[in-house]
Amino acid sequence: MILSDKIILEEIEKGNIIIEPFQKDCLGTNSYDVHLGKYLATYRNRVLDAKAHNEIDHFEIPKDGFVLQPNTLYLGVTLEYTETHRHVPFLEGKSSTGRLGIDIHATAGKGDVGFCNTWTLEISCAQPVRIYAGMPIGQLIYFVVEGEVETMYNTKANAKYNNKTTKPVESMMWKNTF
């Protein structure tokens, strides 16, 4: 079950959902619009290795925007910091973003109960497109969890994305054993 706007507001009042900054006009019927933060990053190497720590270079989006190029993976970040303590958050692109040929995540659209951070975006595009810091980039949808959660994401010892940040975070696949 997806939370409605009224339930999202109730959960914010209870402290079960935190969105900072929160703007009521960003609340949709059953979602909350999030915006692109001011930082992007790209990987230093064109060939990535799943067993290696692939380093990234951060840069700030200029005031006059930045042109994304096809065949390049950009890591972006949401302007909004969120916490979700009783629901499963999903981040999806907005239709207006998709109609510009922008994908905001490759596969990582689901958050975990207890996720407390900004969202790193895996951004790609179908054709060159100029983007801007602060533009609407996606929407958060909240699902009800059935049953009690044994271990919240923010309390897991092996959680790889718990460090609070305002910048995109590179893949931590290299921390896995395989």
Protein backbone atom coordinates (compact mmCIF):
# COMPACT_ATOMS: atom_id res chain seq x y z
CA MET A 1 0.00 0.00 0.00
CA ILE A 2 1.31 3.47 -0.94
CA LEU A 3 0.88 6.32 1.53
CA SER A 4 -1.45 9.17 0.52
CA ASP A 5 -0.60 12.84 0.96
CA LYS A 6 -2.62 12.98 4.20
CA ILE A 7 -0.84 9.95 5.65
CA ILE A 8 2.59 11.29 4.60
CA LEU A 9 1.80 14.51 6.50
CA GLU A 10 0.64 12.51 9.54
CA GLU A 11 3.84 10.44 9.47
CA ILE A 12 5.92 13.63 9.23
CA GLU A 13 4.06 15.01 12.28
CA LYS A 14 4.82 11.78 14.18
CA GLY A 15 8.51 11.91 13.17
CA ASN A 16 8.31 8.65 11.22
CA ILE A 17 9.20 10.48 8.00
CA ILE A 18 11.64 13.41 7.98
CA ILE A 19 12.23 15.55 4.89
CA GLU A 20 14.58 18.54 5.16
CA PRO A 21 13.90 21.01 3.75
CA PHE A 22 10.18 20.28 3.56
CA GLN A 23 7.89 22.33 1.32
CA LYS A 24 4.21 21.50 1.36
CA ASP A 25 3.81 22.46 -2.31
CA CYS A 26 6.15 19.55 -3.18
CA LEU A 27 3.68 17.08 -1.71
CA GLY A 28 1.74 15.25 -4.40
CA THR A 29 -1.32 13.05 -4.06
CA ASN A 30 0.83 10.08 -3.01
CA SER A 31 4.44 11.24 -3.33
CA TYR A 32 6.88 13.98 -2.42
CA ASP A 33 8.97 15.78 -5.07
CA VAL A 34 12.71 15.95 -4.47
CA HIS A 35 15.22 18.24 -6.14
CA LEU A 36 18.71 17.94 -7.56
CA GLY A 37 21.42 19.05 -5.14
CA LYS A 38 24.31 21.23 -6.28
CA TYR A 39 26.92 18.46 -6.61
CA LEU A 40 27.55 15.89 -9.32
CA ALA A 41 30.34 13.36 -9.60
CA THR A 42 31.89 11.19 -12.29
CA TYR A 43 34.16 8.19 -11.98
CA ARG A 44 37.84 8.86 -12.60
CA ASN A 45 38.24 5.75 -14.76
CA ARG A 46 36.09 4.90 -17.76
CA VAL A 47 36.34 1.15 -16.99
CA LEU A 48 34.95 0.30 -13.56
CA ASP A 49 35.91 -2.77 -11.52
CA ALA A 50 33.30 -4.29 -9.16
CA LYS A 51 36.06 -5.55 -6.81
CA ALA A 52 37.94 -2.23 -6.68
CA HIS A 53 37.24 1.07 -4.98
CA ASN A 54 36.31 3.16 -8.02
CA GLU A 55 37.04 6.76 -7.06
CA ILE A 56 34.96 9.73 -8.14
CA ASP A 57 35.52 13.43 -8.70
CA HIS A 58 32.90 15.83 -7.33
CA PHE A 59 32.04 19.13 -8.96
CA GLU A 60 29.45 21.81 -8.39
CA ILE A 61 26.77 22.46 -11.00
CA PRO A 62 27.33 26.02 -12.32
CA LYS A 63 24.53 28.60 -11.99
CA ASP A 64 23.94 28.43 -15.76
CA GLY A 65 23.55 24.66 -15.58
CA PHE A 66 25.53 21.66 -16.73
CA VAL A 67 25.05 19.63 -19.92
CA LEU A 68 24.81 15.88 -19.32
CA GLN A 69 26.25 13.75 -22.11
CA PRO A 70 25.02 10.31 -23.21
CA ASN A 71 27.18 7.27 -22.44
CA THR A 72 28.40 8.79 -19.18
CA LEU A 73 27.25 7.85 -15.71
CA TYR A 74 26.83 10.85 -13.43
CA LEU A 75 26.25 10.55 -9.72
CA GLY A 76 23.97 13.23 -8.36
CA VAL A 77 22.40 13.84 -4.99
CA THR A 78 19.05 15.03 -3.75
CA LEU A 79 18.85 18.43 -2.12
CA GLU A 80 16.58 16.85 0.49
CA TYR A 81 17.85 14.88 3.45
CA THR A 82 15.32 12.21 4.43
CA GLU A 83 14.71 9.75 7.22
CA THR A 84 12.19 6.94 7.03
CA HIS A 85 11.57 5.01 10.24
CA ARG A 86 8.42 2.95 9.57
CA HIS A 87 8.01 2.76 5.79
CA VAL A 88 9.89 1.66 2.69
CA PRO A 89 10.81 4.70 0.58
CA PHE A 90 11.06 4.39 -3.20
CA LEU A 91 12.64 7.08 -5.37
CA GLU A 92 11.29 7.35 -8.89
CA GLY A 93 11.86 9.86 -11.66
CA LYS A 94 9.28 12.48 -12.45
CA SER A 95 7.56 12.19 -15.82
CA SER A 96 8.91 15.64 -16.75
CA THR A 97 12.45 14.39 -16.06
CA GLY A 98 11.88 11.23 -18.10
CA ARG A 99 10.49 13.25 -21.00
CA LEU A 100 13.84 15.05 -21.14
CA GLY A 101 15.50 11.64 -21.56
CA ILE A 102 16.97 11.63 -18.05
CA ASP A 103 17.09 8.47 -15.93
CA ILE A 104 17.77 9.16 -12.25
CA HIS A 105 18.62 5.65 -11.11
CA ALA A 106 20.05 2.58 -12.75
CA THR A 107 18.64 0.09 -10.25
CA ALA A 108 18.72 1.67 -6.82
CA GLY A 109 15.24 3.11 -6.42
CA LYS A 110 14.33 1.38 -3.15
CA GLY A 111 15.48 2.59 0.23
CA ASP A 112 15.40 0.63 3.46
CA VAL A 113 13.43 1.25 6.62
CA GLY A 114 15.84 3.32 8.70
CA PHE A 115 17.59 4.99 5.75
CA CYS A 116 18.68 8.46 6.93
CA ASN A 117 20.54 10.49 4.32
CA THR A 118 20.36 12.29 1.02
CA TRP A 119 19.80 10.03 -1.99
CA THR A 120 22.61 9.38 -4.45
CA LEU A 121 21.26 9.36 -8.00
CA GLU A 122 22.69 7.29 -10.86
CA ILE A 123 21.99 9.74 -13.67
CA SER A 124 22.18 8.98 -17.39
CA CYS A 125 20.59 10.59 -20.43
CA ALA A 126 19.42 9.68 -23.92
CA GLN A 127 20.72 12.88 -25.52
CA PRO A 128 22.58 15.97 -24.28
CA VAL A 129 20.46 17.87 -21.78
CA ARG A 130 21.18 20.88 -19.54
CA ILE A 131 20.32 20.39 -15.88
CA TYR A 132 20.30 22.78 -12.94
CA ALA A 133 20.82 22.56 -9.20
CA GLY A 134 17.46 22.79 -7.46
CA MET A 135 15.41 21.44 -10.38
CA PRO A 136 12.75 18.84 -9.57
CA ILE A 137 14.41 15.49 -10.24
CA GLY A 138 12.32 12.75 -8.69
CA GLN A 139 9.61 11.77 -6.26
CA LEU A 140 9.59 9.72 -3.09
CA ILE A 141 6.82 7.19 -2.63
CA TYR A 142 6.32 5.48 0.73
CA PHE A 143 5.10 1.91 1.16
CA VAL A 144 3.69 0.34 4.32
CA VAL A 145 5.84 -2.37 5.90
CA GLU A 146 3.99 -5.41 7.17
CA GLY A 147 5.44 -6.75 10.41
CA GLU A 148 8.16 -5.52 12.72
CA VAL A 149 11.60 -4.64 11.37
CA GLU A 150 14.33 -6.49 13.26
CA THR A 151 17.26 -4.28 12.23
CA MET A 152 16.84 -0.76 10.88
CA TYR A 153 19.26 0.25 8.11
CA ASN A 154 20.79 3.04 10.19
CA THR A 155 21.71 0.56 12.95
CA LYS A 156 23.31 -2.11 10.74
CA ALA A 157 27.02 -2.49 11.37
CA ASN A 158 27.64 -3.37 7.70
CA ALA A 159 25.46 -0.62 6.16
CA LYS A 160 27.60 0.97 3.45
CA TYR A 161 25.71 4.24 2.96
CA ASN A 162 25.13 5.51 6.49
CA ASN A 163 27.56 8.46 6.50
CA LYS A 164 25.55 11.68 6.27
CA THR A 165 26.50 13.61 3.13
CA THR A 166 25.45 16.39 0.78
CA LYS A 167 27.56 14.94 -2.06
CA PRO A 168 27.03 11.87 -4.24
CA VAL A 169 28.57 8.62 -2.97
CA GLU A 170 30.38 6.14 -5.20
CA SER A 171 29.58 2.43 -5.32
CA MET A 172 30.67 0.49 -2.26
CA MET A 173 30.42 -2.86 -4.04
CA TRP A 174 34.14 -3.37 -3.30
CA LYS A 175 33.26 -3.78 0.40
CA ASN A 176 31.33 -6.99 -0.38
CA THR A 177 32.96 -10.39 -0.26
CA PHE A 178 32.62 -12.36 -3.50
